[in-house]
Amino acid sequence: MLLFLVGGAFGGNRGVSPVPSEKGVFPLDHMHLCDQAEREYLNCLKTSGHQSKKCRHFSKLYLKCRMEK
């Protein structure tokens, strides 16, 4: 019975607002500053059969761009 009162009828916390993460979350690239790096990474994934290990260099470049801008 206590579980029902705390979590609500279908689970979850009622009346508690979600709090955004402090670390590890990049905002969306609304200005498209890293589009070129993103395209290169995605093209590499397509041509390599989605083997991310082969595209690690492009992944690093894309993430570096996202962190700097």
Protein backbone atom coordinates (compact mmCIF):
# COMPACT_ATOMS: atom_id res chain seq x y z
CA MET A 1 0.00 0.00 0.00
CA LEU A 2 2.85 2.40 0.78
CA LEU A 3 4.35 1.83 -2.67
CA PHE A 4 1.06 2.88 -4.23
CA LEU A 5 1.02 6.17 -2.31
CA VAL A 6 4.64 7.10 -3.01
CA GLY A 7 4.82 6.23 -6.70
CA GLY A 8 1.32 6.97 -7.87
CA ALA A 9 -1.10 4.55 -9.52
CA PHE A 10 1.14 3.82 -12.51
CA GLY A 11 4.55 4.39 -10.93
CA GLY A 12 6.82 7.39 -11.20
CA ASN A 13 7.05 10.39 -8.92
CA ARG A 14 4.04 12.65 -9.04
CA GLY A 15 4.65 16.35 -8.41
CA VAL A 16 8.44 16.13 -8.70
CA SER A 17 10.03 18.11 -11.52
CA PRO A 18 12.91 16.50 -13.43
CA VAL A 19 16.31 18.09 -12.88
CA PRO A 20 18.69 18.38 -15.86
CA SER A 21 22.02 16.61 -15.66
CA GLU A 22 25.04 18.67 -14.68
CA LYS A 23 27.67 16.72 -16.61
CA GLY A 24 27.85 14.63 -19.75
CA VAL A 25 25.09 16.29 -21.73
CA PHE A 26 25.77 18.40 -24.81
CA PRO A 27 23.20 20.99 -25.87
CA LEU A 28 21.77 20.58 -29.35
CA ASP A 29 23.83 22.10 -32.15
CA HIS A 30 21.22 24.65 -33.24
CA MET A 31 23.81 26.77 -35.06
CA HIS A 32 25.05 23.71 -37.02
CA LEU A 33 28.67 24.52 -36.14
CA CYS A 34 29.73 20.87 -36.25
CA ASP A 35 27.72 19.65 -39.24
CA GLN A 36 30.78 18.88 -41.36
CA ALA A 37 32.38 16.75 -38.64
CA GLU A 38 29.05 15.01 -38.02
CA ARG A 39 28.61 14.20 -41.72
CA GLU A 40 32.14 12.79 -41.97
CA TYR A 41 31.55 10.56 -38.95
CA LEU A 42 28.17 9.33 -40.20
CA ASN A 43 29.55 8.68 -43.70
CA CYS A 44 32.39 6.68 -42.19
CA LEU A 45 29.90 4.61 -40.21
CA LYS A 46 27.87 3.90 -43.35
CA THR A 47 30.85 2.91 -45.46
CA SER A 48 32.40 0.75 -42.73
CA GLY A 49 29.23 -1.22 -42.05
CA HIS A 50 28.65 0.62 -38.76
CA GLN A 51 31.92 -0.55 -37.25
CA SER A 52 32.60 2.36 -34.93
CA LYS A 53 36.17 1.27 -34.24
CA LYS A 54 37.13 2.16 -37.81
CA CYS A 55 35.61 5.64 -37.39
CA ARG A 56 37.14 6.51 -34.04
CA HIS A 57 39.17 9.37 -35.55
CA PHE A 58 36.03 11.03 -36.96
CA SER A 59 34.21 10.48 -33.68
CA LYS A 60 36.97 12.25 -31.76
CA LEU A 61 36.93 15.18 -34.18
CA TYR A 62 33.16 15.52 -33.87
CA LEU A 63 33.19 15.39 -30.07
CA LYS A 64 36.08 17.86 -29.93
CA CYS A 65 34.07 20.25 -32.10
CA ARG A 66 31.03 19.87 -29.86
CA MET A 67 33.02 20.52 -26.70
CA GLU A 68 34.74 23.61 -28.10
CA LYS A 69 31.65 25.30 -29.53
